[in-house]
């Protein structure tokens, strides 16, 4: 069995984020929150979470937050959804940044769904 080439995986994960103008990125932009979850979780499993700037990630995520209902959209300007809210909470936990959330409002959002 071949060894896992960690740096190639990290390079690929980081390159996916940089592609924002190609067709695939445009038709999948509503899934960006989930993509962030899977990519960042993979980096964490590879012990390479430091390859991203947590403040930049958290800042983008909070732009996807809907203050009125407590949920997260799949990307900036997208409607909130339970799945995207789950992914956002998981990523914030990954970065130990749950402090940015209004826990009561997010909990209410989840319970209403």
C-alpha atoms as a PDB file:
ATOM      1  CA  UNK A   1       0.000   0.000   0.000  1.00  0.00           C
ATOM      2  CA  UNK A   2       1.228   3.466  -0.853  1.00  0.00           C
ATOM      3  CA  UNK A   3       1.748   6.142   1.779  1.00  0.00           C
ATOM      4  CA  UNK A   4      -0.672   9.036   1.942  1.00  0.00           C
ATOM      5  CA  UNK A   5       0.873  12.115   0.345  1.00  0.00           C
ATOM      6  CA  UNK A   6      -0.520  14.650   2.797  1.00  0.00           C
ATOM      7  CA  UNK A   7       0.817  17.810   1.156  1.00  0.00           C
ATOM      8  CA  UNK A   8      -0.835  16.936  -2.174  1.00  0.00           C
ATOM      9  CA  UNK A   9      -4.172  16.541  -0.408  1.00  0.00           C
ATOM     10  CA  UNK A  10      -3.719  19.842   1.413  1.00  0.00           C
ATOM     11  CA  UNK A  11      -2.771  21.594  -1.831  1.00  0.00           C
ATOM     12  CA  UNK A  12      -5.872  20.213  -3.573  1.00  0.00           C
ATOM     13  CA  UNK A  13      -8.240  21.204  -0.746  1.00  0.00           C
ATOM     14  CA  UNK A  14      -6.840  24.738  -0.695  1.00  0.00           C
ATOM     15  CA  UNK A  15      -7.025  24.994  -4.501  1.00  0.00           C
ATOM     16  CA  UNK A  16     -10.740  24.171  -4.528  1.00  0.00           C
ATOM     17  CA  UNK A  17     -11.440  27.257  -2.426  1.00  0.00           C
ATOM     18  CA  UNK A  18      -9.551  29.494  -4.836  1.00  0.00           C
ATOM     19  CA  UNK A  19     -11.682  28.466  -7.842  1.00  0.00           C
ATOM     20  CA  UNK A  20     -14.617  30.839  -7.647  1.00  0.00           C
ATOM     21  CA  UNK A  21     -15.204  31.900 -11.238  1.00  0.00           C
ATOM     22  CA  UNK A  22     -15.373  28.590 -13.076  1.00  0.00           C
ATOM     23  CA  UNK A  23     -18.675  26.973 -14.053  1.00  0.00           C
ATOM     24  CA  UNK A  24     -18.542  24.250 -11.403  1.00  0.00           C
ATOM     25  CA  UNK A  25     -18.013  26.770  -8.621  1.00  0.00           C
ATOM     26  CA  UNK A  26     -20.907  28.889  -9.803  1.00  0.00           C
ATOM     27  CA  UNK A  27     -23.422  26.028  -9.965  1.00  0.00           C
ATOM     28  CA  UNK A  28     -22.286  24.676  -6.600  1.00  0.00           C
ATOM     29  CA  UNK A  29     -21.976  27.956  -4.703  1.00  0.00           C
ATOM     30  CA  UNK A  30     -25.049  27.123  -2.605  1.00  0.00           C
ATOM     31  CA  UNK A  31     -23.130  24.138  -1.175  1.00  0.00           C
ATOM     32  CA  UNK A  32     -20.079  26.119  -0.101  1.00  0.00           C
ATOM     33  CA  UNK A  33     -20.804  25.801   3.630  1.00  0.00           C
ATOM     34  CA  UNK A  34     -20.875  22.023   3.352  1.00  0.00           C
ATOM     35  CA  UNK A  35     -17.741  22.048   1.222  1.00  0.00           C
ATOM     36  CA  UNK A  36     -16.031  24.140   3.872  1.00  0.00           C
ATOM     37  CA  UNK A  37     -17.037  21.622   6.523  1.00  0.00           C
ATOM     38  CA  UNK A  38     -15.704  18.634   4.574  1.00  0.00           C
ATOM     39  CA  UNK A  39     -12.503  20.366   3.472  1.00  0.00           C
ATOM     40  CA  UNK A  40     -11.688  21.769   6.906  1.00  0.00           C
ATOM     41  CA  UNK A  41     -12.487  18.484   8.628  1.00  0.00           C
ATOM     42  CA  UNK A  42     -10.146  16.735   6.212  1.00  0.00           C
ATOM     43  CA  UNK A  43      -7.406  19.251   6.950  1.00  0.00           C
ATOM     44  CA  UNK A  44      -7.957  18.663  10.664  1.00  0.00           C
ATOM     45  CA  UNK A  45      -7.686  14.889  10.227  1.00  0.00           C
ATOM     46  CA  UNK A  46      -4.439  15.453   8.333  1.00  0.00           C
ATOM     47  CA  UNK A  47      -3.223  17.720  11.176  1.00  0.00           C
ATOM     48  CA  UNK A  48      -3.033  20.609   8.689  1.00  0.00           C
ATOM     49  CA  UNK A  49      -5.854  22.872   9.868  1.00  0.00           C
ATOM     50  CA  UNK A  50      -3.212  25.580  10.299  1.00  0.00           C
ATOM     51  CA  UNK A  51      -3.074  25.856   6.494  1.00  0.00           C
ATOM     52  CA  UNK A  52      -6.105  28.166   6.642  1.00  0.00           C
ATOM     53  CA  UNK A  53      -6.690  31.440   8.428  1.00  0.00           C
ATOM     54  CA  UNK A  54      -9.392  30.726  11.041  1.00  0.00           C
ATOM     55  CA  UNK A  55     -10.368  34.406  11.297  1.00  0.00           C
ATOM     56  CA  UNK A  56     -10.999  34.529   7.546  1.00  0.00           C
ATOM     57  CA  UNK A  57     -13.106  31.365   7.655  1.00  0.00           C
ATOM     58  CA  UNK A  58     -15.137  32.529  10.663  1.00  0.00           C
ATOM     59  CA  UNK A  59     -15.649  35.958   9.085  1.00  0.00           C
ATOM     60  CA  UNK A  60     -17.039  34.383   5.882  1.00  0.00           C
ATOM     61  CA  UNK A  61     -19.234  32.011   7.880  1.00  0.00           C
ATOM     62  CA  UNK A  62     -20.734  34.846   9.882  1.00  0.00           C
ATOM     63  CA  UNK A  63     -21.624  36.572   6.604  1.00  0.00           C
ATOM     64  CA  UNK A  64     -23.769  33.481   5.895  1.00  0.00           C
ATOM     65  CA  UNK A  65     -25.520  33.837   9.267  1.00  0.00           C
ATOM     66  CA  UNK A  66     -29.120  35.066   9.366  1.00  0.00           C
ATOM     67  CA  UNK A  67     -29.493  37.146  12.512  1.00  0.00           C
ATOM     68  CA  UNK A  68     -33.278  37.212  12.191  1.00  0.00           C
ATOM     69  CA  UNK A  69     -33.764  33.436  12.490  1.00  0.00           C
ATOM     70  CA  UNK A  70     -30.436  32.118  13.846  1.00  0.00           C
ATOM     71  CA  UNK A  71     -29.662  29.871  10.869  1.00  0.00           C
ATOM     72  CA  UNK A  72     -26.885  29.758   8.275  1.00  0.00           C
ATOM     73  CA  UNK A  73     -27.145  29.774   4.506  1.00  0.00           C
ATOM     74  CA  UNK A  74     -24.966  27.700   2.210  1.00  0.00           C
ATOM     75  CA  UNK A  75     -23.173  30.852   1.115  1.00  0.00           C
ATOM     76  CA  UNK A  76     -23.480  34.620   1.410  1.00  0.00           C
ATOM     77  CA  UNK A  77     -26.917  35.720   0.281  1.00  0.00           C
ATOM     78  CA  UNK A  78     -28.460  32.246   0.443  1.00  0.00           C
ATOM     79  CA  UNK A  79     -31.425  31.272   2.589  1.00  0.00           C
ATOM     80  CA  UNK A  80     -30.807  29.541   5.921  1.00  0.00           C
ATOM     81  CA  UNK A  81     -31.128  25.774   6.075  1.00  0.00           C
ATOM     82  CA  UNK A  82     -30.740  23.176   8.811  1.00  0.00           C
ATOM     83  CA  UNK A  83     -27.911  21.334   7.018  1.00  0.00           C
ATOM     84  CA  UNK A  84     -25.864  24.513   6.495  1.00  0.00           C
ATOM     85  CA  UNK A  85     -26.492  25.525  10.094  1.00  0.00           C
ATOM     86  CA  UNK A  86     -25.153  22.161  11.263  1.00  0.00           C
ATOM     87  CA  UNK A  87     -22.054  22.500   9.079  1.00  0.00           C
ATOM     88  CA  UNK A  88     -21.428  26.031  10.356  1.00  0.00           C
ATOM     89  CA  UNK A  89     -21.706  24.975  14.003  1.00  0.00           C
ATOM     90  CA  UNK A  90     -19.368  22.028  13.373  1.00  0.00           C
ATOM     91  CA  UNK A  91     -16.736  24.238  11.716  1.00  0.00           C
ATOM     92  CA  UNK A  92     -16.980  26.827  14.483  1.00  0.00           C
ATOM     93  CA  UNK A  93     -16.489  24.016  17.011  1.00  0.00           C
ATOM     94  CA  UNK A  94     -13.494  22.797  15.001  1.00  0.00           C
ATOM     95  CA  UNK A  95     -11.905  26.229  15.427  1.00  0.00           C
ATOM     96  CA  UNK A  96     -13.103  26.525  19.043  1.00  0.00           C
ATOM     97  CA  UNK A  97     -15.086  29.633  18.047  1.00  0.00           C
ATOM     98  CA  UNK A  98     -18.603  28.812  19.263  1.00  0.00           C
ATOM     99  CA  UNK A  99     -18.371  32.076  21.203  1.00  0.00           C
ATOM    100  CA  UNK A 100     -19.364  34.004  18.055  1.00  0.00           C
ATOM    101  CA  UNK A 101     -22.810  32.372  18.077  1.00  0.00           C
ATOM    102  CA  UNK A 102     -25.987  33.390  19.802  1.00  0.00           C
ATOM    103  CA  UNK A 103     -26.492  29.833  21.050  1.00  0.00           C
ATOM    104  CA  UNK A 104     -30.089  30.435  22.084  1.00  0.00           C
ATOM    105  CA  UNK A 105     -31.029  31.832  18.679  1.00  0.00           C
ATOM    106  CA  UNK A 106     -29.276  29.007  16.790  1.00  0.00           C
ATOM    107  CA  UNK A 107     -30.919  26.430  19.096  1.00  0.00           C
ATOM    108  CA  UNK A 108     -34.337  27.979  18.484  1.00  0.00           C
ATOM    109  CA  UNK A 109     -33.688  27.864  14.733  1.00  0.00           C
ATOM    110  CA  UNK A 110     -32.884  24.164  14.919  1.00  0.00           C
ATOM    111  CA  UNK A 111     -35.874  23.373  17.130  1.00  0.00           C
ATOM    112  CA  UNK A 112     -38.260  25.232  14.780  1.00  0.00           C
ATOM    113  CA  UNK A 113     -37.138  23.047  11.907  1.00  0.00           C
END
